[in-house]
Amino acid sequence: MHWWYLLVAGLLEVGWAIGLKYTDGFTKPLASVLTAAAIVGSMVLLSLAARTIPIGTAYAVWTGIGVAGAATLGIVLLGEAVTLSRLFFLAMLLVAVIGLKVTSGH
């Protein structure tokens, strides 16, 4: 169950990272409230996951999901550059996150 908490926490991190772009410096109320809710939800779920998952693993997986998701949505939604090297390093990040999960012993 704690891995599910961590997965959802990572997805919420993606949401708030992308949400920051849409808040326009926290001047747009709806986007700001949704982004703040995603931040709080992400932190709460990360803390619940860290009850049983080692914090180093939990934090690395959480940030890995956030980085990969934000970079992917940046490409898809925001028109950020797509380069072979960027895709390669995103794939390496995904491999690292899966490796941490597999070797965590949980």
PDB file of N, CA and C in Angstrom:
ATOM      1  N   MET A   1       0.814  -1.193   0.000  1.00  0.00           N
ATOM      2  CA  MET A   1       0.000   0.000   0.000  1.00  0.00           C
ATOM      3  C   MET A   1       0.862   1.265   0.000  1.00  0.00           C
ATOM      4  N   HIS A   2       1.997   1.205   0.677  1.00  0.00           N
ATOM      5  CA  HIS A   2       2.850   2.385   0.775  1.00  0.00           C
ATOM      6  C   HIS A   2       3.467   2.766  -0.571  1.00  0.00           C
ATOM      7  N   TRP A   3       3.693   1.774  -1.431  1.00  0.00           N
ATOM      8  CA  TRP A   3       4.187   2.085  -2.771  1.00  0.00           C
ATOM      9  C   TRP A   3       3.118   2.808  -3.581  1.00  0.00           C
ATOM     10  N   TRP A   4       1.851   2.487  -3.344  1.00  0.00           N
ATOM     11  CA  TRP A   4       0.764   3.207  -4.017  1.00  0.00           C
ATOM     12  C   TRP A   4       0.712   4.653  -3.536  1.00  0.00           C
ATOM     13  N   TYR A   5       0.908   4.854  -2.226  1.00  0.00           N
ATOM     14  CA  TYR A   5       0.978   6.223  -1.705  1.00  0.00           C
ATOM     15  C   TYR A   5       2.083   6.999  -2.416  1.00  0.00           C
ATOM     16  N   LEU A   6       3.225   6.328  -2.557  1.00  0.00           N
ATOM     17  CA  LEU A   6       4.372   6.986  -3.177  1.00  0.00           C
ATOM     18  C   LEU A   6       4.098   7.299  -4.650  1.00  0.00           C
ATOM     19  N   LEU A   7       3.471   6.403  -5.367  1.00  0.00           N
ATOM     20  CA  LEU A   7       3.139   6.634  -6.765  1.00  0.00           C
ATOM     21  C   LEU A   7       2.202   7.840  -6.908  1.00  0.00           C
ATOM     22  N   VAL A   8       1.155   7.870  -6.102  1.00  0.00           N
ATOM     23  CA  VAL A   8       0.211   8.993  -6.168  1.00  0.00           C
ATOM     24  C   VAL A   8       0.897  10.292  -5.741  1.00  0.00           C
ATOM     25  N   ALA A   9       1.763  10.222  -4.731  1.00  0.00           N
ATOM     26  CA  ALA A   9       2.517  11.410  -4.307  1.00  0.00           C
ATOM     27  C   ALA A   9       3.366  11.938  -5.454  1.00  0.00           C
ATOM     28  N   GLY A  10       4.006  11.039  -6.185  1.00  0.00           N
ATOM     29  CA  GLY A  10       4.812  11.445  -7.334  1.00  0.00           C
ATOM     30  C   GLY A  10       3.970  12.061  -8.438  1.00  0.00           C
ATOM     31  N   LEU A  11       2.798  11.494  -8.681  1.00  0.00           N
ATOM     32  CA  LEU A  11       1.908  12.049  -9.702  1.00  0.00           C
ATOM     33  C   LEU A  11       1.396  13.426  -9.287  1.00  0.00           C
ATOM     34  N   LEU A  12       1.117  13.589  -7.994  1.00  0.00           N
ATOM     35  CA  LEU A  12       0.714  14.913  -7.508  1.00  0.00           C
ATOM     36  C   LEU A  12       1.859  15.910  -7.625  1.00  0.00           C
ATOM     37  N   GLU A  13       3.094  15.420  -7.461  1.00  0.00           N
ATOM     38  CA  GLU A  13       4.238  16.312  -7.647  1.00  0.00           C
ATOM     39  C   GLU A  13       4.306  16.795  -9.091  1.00  0.00           C
ATOM     40  N   VAL A  14       4.051  15.901 -10.025  1.00  0.00           N
ATOM     41  CA  VAL A  14       3.994  16.306 -11.430  1.00  0.00           C
ATOM     42  C   VAL A  14       2.918  17.375 -11.600  1.00  0.00           C
ATOM     43  N   GLY A  15       1.758  17.134 -10.988  1.00  0.00           N
ATOM     44  CA  GLY A  15       0.652  18.073 -11.095  1.00  0.00           C
ATOM     45  C   GLY A  15       0.993  19.455 -10.571  1.00  0.00           C
ATOM     46  N   TRP A  16       1.628  19.502  -9.397  1.00  0.00           N
ATOM     47  CA  TRP A  16       1.928  20.847  -8.875  1.00  0.00           C
ATOM     48  C   TRP A  16       3.079  21.502  -9.610  1.00  0.00           C
ATOM     49  N   ALA A  17       4.024  20.712 -10.111  1.00  0.00           N
ATOM     50  CA  ALA A  17       5.129  21.314 -10.867  1.00  0.00           C
ATOM     51  C   ALA A  17       4.603  21.970 -12.143  1.00  0.00           C
ATOM     52  N   ILE A  18       3.743  21.257 -12.855  1.00  0.00           N
ATOM     53  CA  ILE A  18       3.146  21.829 -14.059  1.00  0.00           C
ATOM     54  C   ILE A  18       2.160  22.931 -13.674  1.00  0.00           C
ATOM     55  N   GLY A  19       1.446  22.725 -12.574  1.00  0.00           N
ATOM     56  CA  GLY A  19       0.487  23.719 -12.102  1.00  0.00           C
ATOM     57  C   GLY A  19       1.117  25.069 -11.832  1.00  0.00           C
ATOM     58  N   LEU A  20       2.372  25.068 -11.378  1.00  0.00           N
ATOM     59  CA  LEU A  20       3.055  26.337 -11.118  1.00  0.00           C
ATOM     60  C   LEU A  20       3.095  27.212 -12.362  1.00  0.00           C
ATOM     61  N   LYS A  21       3.240  26.577 -13.508  1.00  0.00           N
ATOM     62  CA  LYS A  21       3.283  27.330 -14.767  1.00  0.00           C
ATOM     63  C   LYS A  21       1.941  28.029 -15.017  1.00  0.00           C
ATOM     64  N   TYR A  22       0.861  27.361 -14.628  1.00  0.00           N
ATOM     65  CA  TYR A  22      -0.482  27.890 -14.893  1.00  0.00           C
ATOM     66  C   TYR A  22      -0.983  28.871 -13.831  1.00  0.00           C
ATOM     67  N   THR A  23      -0.268  28.978 -12.700  1.00  0.00           N
ATOM     68  CA  THR A  23      -0.705  29.929 -11.664  1.00  0.00           C
ATOM     69  C   THR A  23      -0.362  31.371 -12.030  1.00  0.00           C
ATOM     70  N   ASP A  24       0.562  31.535 -12.962  1.00  0.00           N
ATOM     71  CA  ASP A  24       1.020  32.864 -13.368  1.00  0.00           C
ATOM     72  C   ASP A  24       1.463  33.671 -12.143  1.00  0.00           C
ATOM     73  N   GLY A  25       2.375  33.060 -11.391  1.00  0.00           N
ATOM     74  CA  GLY A  25       2.890  33.728 -10.189  1.00  0.00           C
ATOM     75  C   GLY A  25       1.860  33.804  -9.074  1.00  0.00           C
ATOM     76  N   PHE A  26       1.009  32.810  -9.007  1.00  0.00           N
ATOM     77  CA  PHE A  26      -0.085  32.722  -8.021  1.00  0.00           C
ATOM     78  C   PHE A  26      -1.063  33.893  -8.140  1.00  0.00           C
ATOM     79  N   THR A  27      -1.265  34.357  -9.374  1.00  0.00           N
ATOM     80  CA  THR A  27      -2.246  35.414  -9.616  1.00  0.00           C
ATOM     81  C   THR A  27      -3.569  34.855 -10.146  1.00  0.00           C
ATOM     82  N   LYS A  28      -3.594  33.578 -10.494  1.00  0.00           N
ATOM     83  CA  LYS A  28      -4.821  32.937 -10.983  1.00  0.00           C
ATOM     84  C   LYS A  28      -5.360  32.048  -9.863  1.00  0.00           C
ATOM     85  N   PRO A  29      -6.474  32.421  -9.270  1.00  0.00           N
ATOM     86  CA  PRO A  29      -6.964  31.751  -8.061  1.00  0.00           C
ATOM     87  C   PRO A  29      -7.202  30.247  -8.202  1.00  0.00           C
ATOM     88  N   LEU A  30      -7.908  29.803  -9.224  1.00  0.00           N
ATOM     89  CA  LEU A  30      -8.214  28.377  -9.338  1.00  0.00           C
ATOM     90  C   LEU A  30      -6.948  27.550  -9.516  1.00  0.00           C
ATOM     91  N   ALA A  31      -6.095  27.965 -10.421  1.00  0.00           N
ATOM     92  CA  ALA A  31      -4.832  27.252 -10.637  1.00  0.00           C
ATOM     93  C   ALA A  31      -3.978  27.262  -9.371  1.00  0.00           C
ATOM     94  N   SER A  32      -3.993  28.359  -8.643  1.00  0.00           N
ATOM     95  CA  SER A  32      -3.209  28.473  -7.411  1.00  0.00           C
ATOM     96  C   SER A  32      -3.723  27.529  -6.333  1.00  0.00           C
ATOM     97  N   VAL A  33      -5.043  27.465  -6.172  1.00  0.00           N
ATOM     98  CA  VAL A  33      -5.632  26.571  -5.159  1.00  0.00           C
ATOM     99  C   VAL A  33      -5.365  25.114  -5.520  1.00  0.00           C
ATOM    100  N   LEU A  34      -5.535  24.754  -6.781  1.00  0.00           N
ATOM    101  CA  LEU A  34      -5.283  23.368  -7.204  1.00  0.00           C
ATOM    102  C   LEU A  34      -3.814  22.990  -7.033  1.00  0.00           C
ATOM    103  N   THR A  35      -2.933  23.917  -7.355  1.00  0.00           N
ATOM    104  CA  THR A  35      -1.499  23.662  -7.197  1.00  0.00           C
ATOM    105  C   THR A  35      -1.135  23.500  -5.725  1.00  0.00           C
ATOM    106  N   ALA A  36      -1.652  24.358  -4.882  1.00  0.00           N
ATOM    107  CA  ALA A  36      -1.383  24.252  -3.442  1.00  0.00           C
ATOM    108  C   ALA A  36      -1.932  22.946  -2.876  1.00  0.00           C
ATOM    109  N   ALA A  37      -3.114  22.537  -3.315  1.00  0.00           N
ATOM    110  CA  ALA A  37      -3.694  21.272  -2.851  1.00  0.00           C
ATOM    111  C   ALA A  37      -2.831  20.092  -3.291  1.00  0.00           C
ATOM    112  N   ALA A  38      -2.304  20.155  -4.507  1.00  0.00           N
ATOM    113  CA  ALA A  38      -1.431  19.081  -4.990  1.00  0.00           C
ATOM    114  C   ALA A  38      -0.136  19.029  -4.187  1.00  0.00           C
ATOM    115  N   ILE A  39       0.400  20.189  -3.814  1.00  0.00           N
ATOM    116  CA  ILE A  39       1.618  20.225  -2.996  1.00  0.00           C
ATOM    117  C   ILE A  39       1.362  19.555  -1.650  1.00  0.00           C
ATOM    118  N   VAL A  40       0.296  19.944  -0.991  1.00  0.00           N
ATOM    119  CA  VAL A  40      -0.026  19.380   0.328  1.00  0.00           C
ATOM    120  C   VAL A  40      -0.287  17.877   0.209  1.00  0.00           C
ATOM    121  N   GLY A  41      -1.094  17.489  -0.766  1.00  0.00           N
ATOM    122  CA  GLY A  41      -1.393  16.066  -0.947  1.00  0.00           C
ATOM    123  C   GLY A  41      -0.145  15.249  -1.222  1.00  0.00           C
ATOM    124  N   SER A  42       0.733  15.775  -2.046  1.00  0.00           N
ATOM    125  CA  SER A  42       1.974  15.084  -2.379  1.00  0.00           C
ATOM    126  C   SER A  42       2.848  14.881  -1.144  1.00  0.00           C
ATOM    127  N   MET A  43       2.965  15.910  -0.320  1.00  0.00           N
ATOM    128  CA  MET A  43       3.783  15.811   0.892  1.00  0.00           C
ATOM    129  C   MET A  43       3.181  14.837   1.907  1.00  0.00           C
ATOM    130  N   VAL A  44       1.867  14.891   2.071  1.00  0.00           N
ATOM    131  CA  VAL A  44       1.206  13.982   3.018  1.00  0.00           C
ATOM    132  C   VAL A  44       1.416  12.532   2.588  1.00  0.00           C
ATOM    133  N   LEU A  45       1.188  12.256   1.303  1.00  0.00           N
ATOM    134  CA  LEU A  45       1.353  10.883   0.826  1.00  0.00           C
ATOM    135  C   LEU A  45       2.806  10.430   0.871  1.00  0.00           C
ATOM    136  N   LEU A  46       3.740  11.337   0.593  1.00  0.00           N
ATOM    137  CA  LEU A  46       5.160  10.987   0.730  1.00  0.00           C
ATOM    138  C   LEU A  46       5.472  10.617   2.169  1.00  0.00           C
ATOM    139  N   SER A  47       4.950  11.372   3.112  1.00  0.00           N
ATOM    140  CA  SER A  47       5.230  11.073   4.523  1.00  0.00           C
ATOM    141  C   SER A  47       4.609   9.743   4.932  1.00  0.00           C
ATOM    142  N   LEU A  48       3.436   9.419   4.411  1.00  0.00           N
ATOM    143  CA  LEU A  48       2.817   8.117   4.711  1.00  0.00           C
ATOM    144  C   LEU A  48       3.640   6.982   4.109  1.00  0.00           C
ATOM    145  N   ALA A  49       4.117   7.168   2.894  1.00  0.00           N
ATOM    146  CA  ALA A  49       4.936   6.139   2.251  1.00  0.00           C
ATOM    147  C   ALA A  49       6.235   5.916   3.011  1.00  0.00           C
ATOM    148  N   ALA A  50       6.793   7.000   3.547  1.00  0.00           N
ATOM    149  CA  ALA A  50       8.083   6.914   4.242  1.00  0.00           C
ATOM    150  C   ALA A  50       7.977   6.215   5.599  1.00  0.00           C
ATOM    151  N   ARG A  51       6.765   5.875   6.014  1.00  0.00           N
ATOM    152  CA  ARG A  51       6.630   5.093   7.247  1.00  0.00           C
ATOM    153  C   ARG A  51       7.282   3.723   7.111  1.00  0.00           C
ATOM    154  N   THR A  52       7.212   3.144   5.919  1.00  0.00           N
ATOM    155  CA  THR A  52       7.779   1.806   5.734  1.00  0.00           C
ATOM    156  C   THR A  52       8.866   1.747   4.660  1.00  0.00           C
ATOM    157  N   ILE A  53       8.844   2.660   3.724  1.00  0.00           N
ATOM    158  CA  ILE A  53       9.868   2.684   2.680  1.00  0.00           C
ATOM    159  C   ILE A  53      11.019   3.561   3.183  1.00  0.00           C
ATOM    160  N   PRO A  54      12.264   3.103   3.053  1.00  0.00           N
ATOM    161  CA  PRO A  54      13.386   3.942   3.490  1.00  0.00           C
ATOM    162  C   PRO A  54      13.310   5.321   2.842  1.00  0.00           C
ATOM    163  N   ILE A  55      13.594   6.361   3.609  1.00  0.00           N
ATOM    164  CA  ILE A  55      13.406   7.730   3.129  1.00  0.00           C
ATOM    165  C   ILE A  55      14.263   8.037   1.910  1.00  0.00           C
ATOM    166  N   GLY A  56      15.452   7.511   1.855  1.00  0.00           N
ATOM    167  CA  GLY A  56      16.302   7.744   0.676  1.00  0.00           C
ATOM    168  C   GLY A  56      15.664   7.192  -0.587  1.00  0.00           C
ATOM    169  N   THR A  57      15.121   6.000  -0.483  1.00  0.00           N
ATOM    170  CA  THR A  57      14.436   5.387  -1.620  1.00  0.00           C
ATOM    171  C   THR A  57      13.153   6.135  -1.938  1.00  0.00           C
ATOM    172  N   ALA A  58      12.353   6.423  -0.916  1.00  0.00           N
ATOM    173  CA  ALA A  58      11.072   7.110  -1.131  1.00  0.00           C
ATOM    174  C   ALA A  58      11.288   8.469  -1.776  1.00  0.00           C
ATOM    175  N   TYR A  59      12.233   9.224  -1.271  1.00  0.00           N
ATOM    176  CA  TYR A  59      12.478  10.561  -1.809  1.00  0.00           C
ATOM    177  C   TYR A  59      12.997  10.486  -3.243  1.00  0.00           C
ATOM    178  N   ALA A  60      13.907   9.564  -3.506  1.00  0.00           N
ATOM    179  CA  ALA A  60      14.461   9.433  -4.855  1.00  0.00           C
ATOM    180  C   ALA A  60      13.377   9.024  -5.854  1.00  0.00           C
ATOM    181  N   VAL A  61      12.523   8.094  -5.472  1.00  0.00           N
ATOM    182  CA  VAL A  61      11.444   7.671  -6.364  1.00  0.00           C
ATOM    183  C   VAL A  61      10.454   8.817  -6.566  1.00  0.00           C
ATOM    184  N   TRP A  62      10.100   9.505  -5.488  1.00  0.00           N
ATOM    185  CA  TRP A  62       9.167  10.634  -5.555  1.00  0.00           C
ATOM    186  C   TRP A  62       9.674  11.715  -6.503  1.00  0.00           C
ATOM    187  N   THR A  63      10.930  12.103  -6.322  1.00  0.00           N
ATOM    188  CA  THR A  63      11.478  13.143  -7.194  1.00  0.00           C
ATOM    189  C   THR A  63      11.668  12.629  -8.619  1.00  0.00           C
ATOM    190  N   GLY A  64      12.008  11.353  -8.756  1.00  0.00           N
ATOM    191  CA  GLY A  64      12.165  10.774 -10.095  1.00  0.00           C
ATOM    192  C   GLY A  64      10.865  10.803 -10.877  1.00  0.00           C
ATOM    193  N   ILE A  65       9.773  10.419 -10.222  1.00  0.00           N
ATOM    194  CA  ILE A  65       8.462  10.482 -10.870  1.00  0.00           C
ATOM    195  C   ILE A  65       8.145  11.929 -11.241  1.00  0.00           C
ATOM    196  N   GLY A  66       8.419  12.836 -10.315  1.00  0.00           N
ATOM    197  CA  GLY A  66       8.142  14.252 -10.565  1.00  0.00           C
ATOM    198  C   GLY A  66       8.946  14.812 -11.725  1.00  0.00           C
ATOM    199  N   VAL A  67      10.233  14.510 -11.758  1.00  0.00           N
ATOM    200  CA  VAL A  67      11.092  15.029 -12.819  1.00  0.00           C
ATOM    201  C   VAL A  67      10.679  14.456 -14.174  1.00  0.00           C
ATOM    202  N   ALA A  68      10.507  13.144 -14.225  1.00  0.00           N
ATOM    203  CA  ALA A  68      10.143  12.511 -15.494  1.00  0.00           C
ATOM    204  C   ALA A  68       8.779  12.997 -15.976  1.00  0.00           C
ATOM    205  N   GLY A  69       7.831  13.083 -15.061  1.00  0.00           N
ATOM    206  CA  GLY A  69       6.495  13.528 -15.441  1.00  0.00           C
ATOM    207  C   GLY A  69       6.458  14.977 -15.864  1.00  0.00           C
ATOM    208  N   ALA A  70       7.141  15.835 -15.115  1.00  0.00           N
ATOM    209  CA  ALA A  70       7.163  17.261 -15.457  1.00  0.00           C
ATOM    210  C   ALA A  70       7.875  17.488 -16.791  1.00  0.00           C
ATOM    211  N   ALA A  71       8.952  16.778 -17.018  1.00  0.00           N
ATOM    212  CA  ALA A  71       9.675  16.928 -18.288  1.00  0.00           C
ATOM    213  C   ALA A  71       8.822  16.433 -19.453  1.00  0.00           C
ATOM    214  N   THR A  72       8.138  15.319 -19.254  1.00  0.00           N
ATOM    215  CA  THR A  72       7.279  14.775 -20.304  1.00  0.00           C
ATOM    216  C   THR A  72       6.111  15.715 -20.601  1.00  0.00           C
ATOM    217  N   LEU A  73       5.442  16.191 -19.558  1.00  0.00           N
ATOM    218  CA  LEU A  73       4.327  17.115 -19.774  1.00  0.00           C
ATOM    219  C   LEU A  73       4.809  18.464 -20.301  1.00  0.00           C
ATOM    220  N   GLY A  74       6.017  18.848 -19.940  1.00  0.00           N
ATOM    221  CA  GLY A  74       6.588  20.071 -20.506  1.00  0.00           C
ATOM    222  C   GLY A  74       6.720  19.951 -22.020  1.00  0.00           C
ATOM    223  N   ILE A  75       7.112  18.783 -22.471  1.00  0.00           N
ATOM    224  CA  ILE A  75       7.225  18.534 -23.912  1.00  0.00           C
ATOM    225  C   ILE A  75       5.839  18.514 -24.558  1.00  0.00           C
ATOM    226  N   VAL A  76       4.922  17.759 -23.941  1.00  0.00           N
ATOM    227  CA  VAL A  76       3.596  17.555 -24.530  1.00  0.00           C
ATOM    228  C   VAL A  76       2.714  18.806 -24.450  1.00  0.00           C
ATOM    229  N   LEU A  77       2.679  19.441 -23.278  1.00  0.00           N
ATOM    230  CA  LEU A  77       1.758  20.558 -23.067  1.00  0.00           C
ATOM    231  C   LEU A  77       2.356  21.935 -23.339  1.00  0.00           C
ATOM    232  N   LEU A  78       3.641  22.064 -23.074  1.00  0.00           N
ATOM    233  CA  LEU A  78       4.235  23.397 -23.105  1.00  0.00           C
ATOM    234  C   LEU A  78       5.194  23.621 -24.268  1.00  0.00           C
ATOM    235  N   GLY A  79       5.321  22.625 -25.126  1.00  0.00           N
ATOM    236  CA  GLY A  79       6.159  22.783 -26.309  1.00  0.00           C
ATOM    237  C   GLY A  79       7.640  22.852 -26.042  1.00  0.00           C
ATOM    238  N   GLU A  80       8.093  22.243 -24.949  1.00  0.00           N
ATOM    239  CA  GLU A  80       9.530  22.243 -24.667  1.00  0.00           C
ATOM    240  C   GLU A  80      10.264  21.353 -25.667  1.00  0.00           C
ATOM    241  N   ALA A  81      11.554  21.574 -25.804  1.00  0.00           N
ATOM    242  CA  ALA A  81      12.363  20.883 -26.811  1.00  0.00           C
ATOM    243  C   ALA A  81      12.390  19.369 -26.589  1.00  0.00           C
ATOM    244  N   VAL A  82      12.337  18.645 -27.693  1.00  0.00           N
ATOM    245  CA  VAL A  82      12.487  17.189 -27.679  1.00  0.00           C
ATOM    246  C   VAL A  82      13.792  16.886 -28.398  1.00  0.00           C
ATOM    247  N   THR A  83      14.754  16.349 -27.635  1.00  0.00           N
ATOM    248  CA  THR A  83      16.023  15.963 -28.248  1.00  0.00           C
ATOM    249  C   THR A  83      16.309  14.516 -27.878  1.00  0.00           C
ATOM    250  N   LEU A  84      17.128  13.885 -28.680  1.00  0.00           N
ATOM    251  CA  LEU A  84      17.488  12.499 -28.415  1.00  0.00           C
ATOM    252  C   LEU A  84      18.162  12.363 -27.049  1.00  0.00           C
ATOM    253  N   SER A  85      19.038  13.290 -26.716  1.00  0.00           N
ATOM    254  CA  SER A  85      19.730  13.204 -25.429  1.00  0.00           C
ATOM    255  C   SER A  85      18.742  13.385 -24.268  1.00  0.00           C
ATOM    256  N   ARG A  86      17.782  14.283 -24.410  1.00  0.00           N
ATOM    257  CA  ARG A  86      16.789  14.490 -23.349  1.00  0.00           C
ATOM    258  C   ARG A  86      15.954  13.226 -23.141  1.00  0.00           C
ATOM    259  N   LEU A  87      15.518  12.608 -24.237  1.00  0.00           N
ATOM    260  CA  LEU A  87      14.745  11.367 -24.134  1.00  0.00           C
ATOM    261  C   LEU A  87      15.582  10.241 -23.536  1.00  0.00           C
ATOM    262  N   PHE A  88      16.862  10.187 -23.887  1.00  0.00           N
ATOM    263  CA  PHE A  88      17.760   9.177 -23.330  1.00  0.00           C
ATOM    264  C   PHE A  88      17.868   9.315 -21.813  1.00  0.00           C
ATOM    265  N   PHE A  89      18.072  10.535 -21.335  1.00  0.00           N
ATOM    266  CA  PHE A  89      18.228  10.734 -19.899  1.00  0.00           C
ATOM    267  C   PHE A  89      16.914  10.542 -19.146  1.00  0.00           C
ATOM    268  N   LEU A  90      15.796  10.853 -19.763  1.00  0.00           N
ATOM    269  CA  LEU A  90      14.503  10.536 -19.140  1.00  0.00           C
ATOM    270  C   LEU A  90      14.330   9.030 -19.016  1.00  0.00           C
ATOM    271  N   ALA A  91      14.745   8.286 -20.039  1.00  0.00           N
ATOM    272  CA  ALA A  91      14.677   6.823 -19.979  1.00  0.00           C
ATOM    273  C   ALA A  91      15.597   6.286 -18.884  1.00  0.00           C
ATOM    274  N   MET A  92      16.780   6.877 -18.743  1.00  0.00           N
ATOM    275  CA  MET A  92      17.694   6.456 -17.672  1.00  0.00           C
ATOM    276  C   MET A  92      17.084   6.718 -16.308  1.00  0.00           C
ATOM    277  N   LEU A  93      16.406   7.832 -16.168  1.00  0.00           N
ATOM    278  CA  LEU A  93      15.743   8.164 -14.912  1.00  0.00           C
ATOM    279  C   LEU A  93      14.680   7.128 -14.587  1.00  0.00           C
ATOM    280  N   LEU A  94      13.907   6.737 -15.583  1.00  0.00           N
ATOM    281  CA  LEU A  94      12.881   5.715 -15.385  1.00  0.00           C
ATOM    282  C   LEU A  94      13.507   4.392 -14.948  1.00  0.00           C
ATOM    283  N   VAL A  95      14.590   4.013 -15.569  1.00  0.00           N
ATOM    284  CA  VAL A  95      15.299   2.789 -15.182  1.00  0.00           C
ATOM    285  C   VAL A  95      15.779   2.890 -13.737  1.00  0.00           C
ATOM    286  N   ALA A  96      16.294   4.045 -13.336  1.00  0.00           N
ATOM    287  CA  ALA A  96      16.772   4.236 -11.965  1.00  0.00           C
ATOM    288  C   ALA A  96      15.635   4.120 -10.956  1.00  0.00           C
ATOM    289  N   VAL A  97      14.493   4.720 -11.243  1.00  0.00           N
ATOM    290  CA  VAL A  97      13.345   4.640 -10.341  1.00  0.00           C
ATOM    291  C   VAL A  97      12.880   3.199 -10.197  1.00  0.00           C
ATOM    292  N   ILE A  98      12.785   2.485 -11.302  1.00  0.00           N
ATOM    293  CA  ILE A  98      12.381   1.066 -11.244  1.00  0.00           C
ATOM    294  C   ILE A  98      13.427   0.267 -10.473  1.00  0.00           C
ATOM    295  N   GLY A  99      14.695   0.559 -10.706  1.00  0.00           N
ATOM    296  CA  GLY A  99      15.753  -0.139  -9.978  1.00  0.00           C
ATOM    297  C   GLY A  99      15.673   0.086  -8.478  1.00  0.00           C
ATOM    298  N   LEU A 100      15.371   1.303  -8.050  1.00  0.00           N
ATOM    299  CA  LEU A 100      15.223   1.580  -6.619  1.00  0.00           C
ATOM    300  C   LEU A 100      14.058   0.804  -6.036  1.00  0.00           C
ATOM    301  N   LYS A 101      12.973   0.716  -6.774  1.00  0.00           N
ATOM    302  CA  LYS A 101      11.804  -0.043  -6.295  1.00  0.00           C
ATOM    303  C   LYS A 101      12.154  -1.519  -6.160  1.00  0.00           C
ATOM    304  N   VAL A 102      12.784  -2.074  -7.172  1.00  0.00           N
ATOM    305  CA  VAL A 102      13.094  -3.494  -7.184  1.00  0.00           C
ATOM    306  C   VAL A 102      14.098  -3.879  -6.100  1.00  0.00           C
ATOM    307  N   THR A 103      15.040  -3.008  -5.811  1.00  0.00           N
ATOM    308  CA  THR A 103      16.093  -3.340  -4.845  1.00  0.00           C
ATOM    309  C   THR A 103      15.820  -2.838  -3.430  1.00  0.00           C
ATOM    310  N   SER A 104      14.639  -2.265  -3.188  1.00  0.00           N
ATOM    311  CA  SER A 104      14.366  -1.692  -1.868  1.00  0.00           C
ATOM    312  C   SER A 104      14.094  -2.736  -0.798  1.00  0.00           C
ATOM    313  N   GLY A 105      13.706  -3.933  -1.214  1.00  0.00           N
ATOM    314  CA  GLY A 105      13.404  -4.973  -0.228  1.00  0.00           C
ATOM    315  C   GLY A 105      12.009  -4.850   0.344  1.00  0.00           C
ATOM    316  N   HIS A 106      11.152  -4.025  -0.226  1.00  0.00           N
ATOM    317  CA  HIS A 106       9.781  -3.853   0.263  1.00  0.00           C
ATOM    318  C   HIS A 106       8.807  -4.277  -0.801  1.00  0.00           C
TER     319      HIS A 106
END
